[in-house]
Amino acid sequence: MRILVLNGSPKKEKSDTLLVTRAFLEGMNEAARQDIELIHVVDRHIEYCTGCFSCMRNGGTCMLGDDMGGILEEILRSDLLLWSFPLYCYGMPAPLKALLDRTLPLSSMAMKKVGERYEHVGQADVSHLRCAMICGCGFPNAKHNFEPAAAQFRLCFPGDPLILTVPECPMFGAPEAEAVTGPRLALVREAGRRFASAGSVDEALLKKIASPMIPEEQYAAIVNAGV
């Protein structure tokens, strides 16, 4: 499988969420050898979408001459598009959101009704492409934190995309927390193995991964002590 990882964290390799993503990819590699390419989005020149919609009318060519054209080609060559990002204001970091906005050339202005909503008709074949989201946050729990980002992701990428969320994510960058982060990363690797083998991850495992590693009050106290 050809996997394109879009790392949306401005911290690049120092991203705590990327540590989780790499564990997931390790699990996938254990199930079957994967062809993985990683893009640090902050390193690419991606202008903001101007909303001119010319790309949706002229066959997919954007008027902005930056790196996005090449990224779209990489997306279309991939089998799995893995969005890895920390939660910023309950959504994606700005560089990654700019990239998401610039995927407009994959669609046309025409629309069709799918179920109870309307979607743009594609002008590029993405039927082979699966999408997954791995998102971490610094809050003690997953409730009332990841829902907006997950809802946006499901609307942008219908078809039951994989959504893996992890609270208390800064602990993954703390060596002294390995006693609790090690077992959690083992669960993430297991999720990667299941996804590569069966194409899905059961809800029970996703809930374990999304649960706090240490009691919420203890985590909040540790964070507040360092403020």
Protein backbone atom coordinates (compact mmCIF):
# COMPACT_ATOMS: atom_id res chain seq x y z
CA MET A 1 0.00 0.00 0.00
CA ARG A 2 1.26 3.46 -0.84
CA ILE A 3 0.70 5.78 2.15
CA LEU A 4 1.04 9.54 2.08
CA VAL A 5 1.33 11.05 5.57
CA LEU A 6 0.49 14.73 5.92
CA ASN A 7 2.06 15.92 9.16
CA GLY A 8 0.18 19.08 10.06
CA SER A 9 2.19 19.93 13.17
CA PRO A 10 4.47 22.97 12.89
CA LYS A 11 6.85 21.06 15.20
CA LYS A 12 7.53 18.55 12.40
CA GLU A 13 9.53 15.60 13.79
CA LYS A 14 9.13 16.90 17.35
CA SER A 15 5.36 16.51 17.13
CA ASP A 16 3.88 14.37 19.91
CA THR A 17 1.07 13.35 17.58
CA LEU A 18 3.60 12.20 14.99
CA LEU A 19 5.02 9.78 17.59
CA VAL A 20 1.58 8.20 17.74
CA THR A 21 1.31 8.17 13.96
CA ARG A 22 4.67 6.47 13.61
CA ALA A 23 3.54 3.75 16.03
CA PHE A 24 0.46 3.20 13.88
CA LEU A 25 2.63 2.95 10.76
CA GLU A 26 4.96 0.51 12.53
CA GLY A 27 1.96 -1.70 13.17
CA MET A 28 0.92 -1.49 9.53
CA ASN A 29 4.44 -2.45 8.47
CA GLU A 30 4.36 -5.45 10.77
CA ALA A 31 1.23 -6.71 9.00
CA ALA A 32 2.56 -6.03 5.49
CA ARG A 33 5.33 -3.92 4.03
CA GLN A 34 4.09 -0.41 3.26
CA ASP A 35 5.41 2.29 0.95
CA ILE A 36 5.33 5.38 3.16
CA GLU A 37 5.99 9.00 2.23
CA LEU A 38 5.85 11.80 4.80
CA ILE A 39 5.24 15.47 4.12
CA HIS A 40 5.85 18.10 6.79
CA VAL A 41 3.20 20.50 5.56
CA VAL A 42 4.81 23.53 7.19
CA ASP A 43 7.86 23.03 4.92
CA ARG A 44 5.80 23.31 1.73
CA HIS A 45 4.79 26.51 -0.03
CA ILE A 46 0.99 26.41 0.07
CA GLU A 47 -0.89 29.66 -0.53
CA TYR A 48 -4.35 30.24 0.86
CA CYS A 49 -7.25 29.39 -1.44
CA THR A 50 -8.74 32.58 -2.93
CA GLY A 51 -12.14 31.04 -3.66
CA CYS A 52 -12.00 31.89 -7.37
CA PHE A 53 -13.17 28.35 -8.25
CA SER A 54 -11.27 28.41 -11.55
CA CYS A 55 -9.79 25.01 -10.69
CA MET A 56 -13.28 23.55 -10.42
CA ARG A 57 -14.19 24.82 -13.89
CA ASN A 58 -11.03 24.24 -15.92
CA GLY A 59 -10.24 20.60 -15.24
CA GLY A 60 -8.37 20.98 -11.97
CA THR A 61 -5.61 23.51 -12.68
CA CYS A 62 -5.10 26.03 -9.89
CA MET A 63 -4.06 29.59 -10.72
CA LEU A 64 -1.62 29.64 -7.77
CA GLY A 65 1.81 28.41 -8.80
CA ASP A 66 3.03 26.87 -5.55
CA ASP A 67 3.73 23.36 -4.23
CA MET A 68 0.10 22.27 -4.08
CA GLY A 69 -0.01 20.96 -7.64
CA GLY A 70 2.71 18.44 -6.85
CA ILE A 71 1.02 17.47 -3.58
CA LEU A 72 -2.23 16.76 -5.41
CA GLU A 73 -0.34 14.47 -7.77
CA GLU A 74 1.13 12.64 -4.76
CA ILE A 75 -2.34 12.32 -3.22
CA LEU A 76 -3.76 10.77 -6.39
CA ARG A 77 -0.88 8.26 -6.53
CA SER A 78 -1.56 7.13 -2.97
CA ASP A 79 -3.79 4.38 -1.59
CA LEU A 80 -4.05 5.86 1.91
CA LEU A 81 -3.98 9.52 2.86
CA LEU A 82 -3.08 9.80 6.55
CA TRP A 83 -3.70 13.18 8.17
CA SER A 84 -1.61 13.52 11.35
CA PHE A 85 -2.11 16.67 13.41
CA PRO A 86 -2.41 18.10 16.91
CA LEU A 87 -5.71 19.73 17.84
CA TYR A 88 -5.60 23.50 17.37
CA CYS A 89 -8.73 25.37 18.52
CA TYR A 90 -10.68 22.14 18.07
CA GLY A 91 -9.55 21.76 14.46
CA MET A 92 -6.52 21.47 12.21
CA PRO A 93 -3.42 23.69 12.45
CA ALA A 94 -3.54 26.50 9.87
CA PRO A 95 -0.93 25.06 7.43
CA LEU A 96 -2.84 21.78 7.15
CA LYS A 97 -6.20 23.54 6.82
CA ALA A 98 -4.73 25.56 3.95
CA LEU A 99 -3.76 22.28 2.27
CA LEU A 100 -7.25 20.87 2.80
CA ASP A 101 -8.80 24.00 1.26
CA ARG A 102 -6.54 23.61 -1.76
CA THR A 103 -7.85 20.13 -2.58
CA LEU A 104 -10.70 21.89 -4.44
CA PRO A 105 -9.17 20.96 -7.83
CA LEU A 106 -10.20 17.36 -7.15
CA SER A 107 -13.86 18.47 -7.41
CA SER A 108 -16.01 20.28 -9.97
CA MET A 109 -18.66 22.96 -9.50
CA ALA A 110 -21.38 20.41 -10.33
CA MET A 111 -23.11 18.82 -7.37
CA LYS A 112 -25.24 15.78 -6.70
CA LYS A 113 -27.40 14.59 -3.85
CA VAL A 114 -25.90 11.77 -1.79
CA GLY A 115 -28.23 10.59 0.94
CA GLU A 116 -29.53 13.70 2.70
CA ARG A 117 -26.84 16.11 1.57
CA TYR A 118 -25.24 17.45 -1.59
CA GLU A 119 -21.65 16.83 -2.63
CA HIS A 120 -19.50 18.21 -5.43
CA VAL A 121 -18.96 15.85 -8.33
CA GLY A 122 -15.32 14.86 -8.58
CA GLN A 123 -13.22 15.70 -11.60
CA ALA A 124 -10.42 13.38 -10.44
CA ASP A 125 -10.76 9.68 -9.69
CA VAL A 126 -10.25 9.21 -5.94
CA SER A 127 -12.26 5.99 -5.69
CA HIS A 128 -9.08 4.08 -4.78
CA LEU A 129 -8.08 6.49 -2.01
CA ARG A 130 -8.79 5.84 1.68
CA CYS A 131 -8.38 8.48 4.34
CA ALA A 132 -7.43 8.30 8.00
CA MET A 133 -6.98 10.89 10.72
CA ILE A 134 -4.73 10.64 13.77
CA CYS A 135 -5.14 13.56 16.14
CA GLY A 136 -3.69 14.27 19.56
CA CYS A 137 -4.54 16.95 22.09
CA GLY A 138 -3.13 18.25 25.36
CA PHE A 139 -6.37 18.00 27.31
CA PRO A 140 -6.93 15.18 29.85
CA ASN A 141 -9.79 13.54 27.96
CA ALA A 142 -11.29 13.10 24.51
CA LYS A 143 -14.83 14.23 25.31
CA HIS A 144 -15.93 17.61 23.98
CA ASN A 145 -12.54 18.15 22.31
CA PHE A 146 -12.14 16.10 19.14
CA GLU A 147 -15.76 16.19 17.94
CA PRO A 148 -15.48 19.27 15.63
CA ALA A 149 -12.33 17.99 13.88
CA ALA A 150 -13.80 14.50 13.51
CA ALA A 151 -17.09 15.87 12.12
CA GLN A 152 -15.25 17.97 9.53
CA PHE A 153 -13.11 15.00 8.53
CA ARG A 154 -16.12 12.73 8.01
CA LEU A 155 -17.83 15.36 5.87
CA CYS A 156 -14.73 15.97 3.76
CA PHE A 157 -13.93 12.28 3.40
CA PRO A 158 -17.16 10.22 3.49
CA GLY A 159 -17.03 6.46 3.40
CA ASP A 160 -16.21 5.62 7.02
CA PRO A 161 -12.67 7.04 7.34
CA LEU A 162 -10.52 5.88 10.23
CA ILE A 163 -10.42 8.44 13.05
CA LEU A 164 -7.97 7.80 15.89
CA THR A 165 -7.78 10.35 18.72
CA VAL A 166 -5.41 10.52 21.67
CA PRO A 167 -5.70 12.83 24.72
CA GLU A 168 -2.83 13.66 27.10
CA CYS A 169 -0.62 13.60 24.00
CA PRO A 170 2.30 15.67 25.42
CA MET A 171 3.12 12.67 27.64
CA PHE A 172 4.46 10.82 24.59
CA GLY A 173 7.35 13.27 24.42
CA ALA A 174 8.25 12.78 28.10
CA PRO A 175 10.68 9.87 28.71
CA GLU A 176 9.66 9.69 32.37
CA ALA A 177 6.11 8.77 31.29
CA GLU A 178 7.18 5.69 29.33
CA ALA A 179 5.54 3.37 31.87
CA VAL A 180 2.13 4.55 30.66
CA THR A 181 2.91 5.76 27.14
CA GLY A 182 4.64 2.50 26.16
CA PRO A 183 1.51 0.36 26.63
CA ARG A 184 -0.61 3.01 24.85
CA LEU A 185 1.73 3.03 21.84
CA ALA A 186 1.49 -0.77 21.82
CA LEU A 187 -2.29 -0.38 21.40
CA VAL A 188 -1.72 2.08 18.57
CA ARG A 189 0.62 -0.40 16.84
CA GLU A 190 -2.07 -3.06 17.22
CA ALA A 191 -4.53 -0.68 15.58
CA GLY A 192 -2.10 -0.26 12.69
CA ARG A 193 -1.77 -4.02 12.30
CA ARG A 194 -5.55 -4.48 12.26
CA PHE A 195 -6.04 -1.67 9.78
CA ALA A 196 -3.43 -3.11 7.41
CA SER A 197 -4.81 -6.63 7.74
CA ALA A 198 -8.57 -6.07 7.84
CA GLY A 199 -9.01 -2.50 6.58
CA SER A 200 -10.62 -1.35 9.82
CA VAL A 201 -10.10 -0.95 13.56
CA ASP A 202 -12.83 -2.01 15.97
CA GLU A 203 -14.48 0.63 18.10
CA ALA A 204 -13.42 -1.02 21.36
CA LEU A 205 -9.74 -0.58 20.55
CA LEU A 206 -10.24 3.01 19.38
CA LYS A 207 -11.96 3.80 22.68
CA LYS A 208 -9.06 2.33 24.66
CA ILE A 209 -6.62 4.49 22.71
CA ALA A 210 -8.79 7.57 23.28
CA SER A 211 -9.03 7.00 27.04
CA PRO A 212 -6.80 8.88 29.53
CA MET A 213 -3.46 7.22 30.31
CA ILE A 214 -3.46 8.57 33.85
CA PRO A 215 -6.38 9.99 35.87
CA GLU A 216 -7.61 13.26 34.43
CA GLU A 217 -7.13 15.19 37.67
CA GLN A 218 -3.56 13.93 38.05
CA TYR A 219 -2.68 14.93 34.48
CA ALA A 220 -4.23 18.39 34.88
CA ALA A 221 -2.30 18.89 38.13
CA ILE A 222 1.00 17.96 36.44
CA VAL A 223 0.34 20.37 33.58
CA ASN A 224 -0.73 23.19 35.91
CA ALA A 225 2.34 22.69 38.09
CA GLY A 226 4.52 23.47 35.11
CA VAL A 227 2.64 26.58 34.02
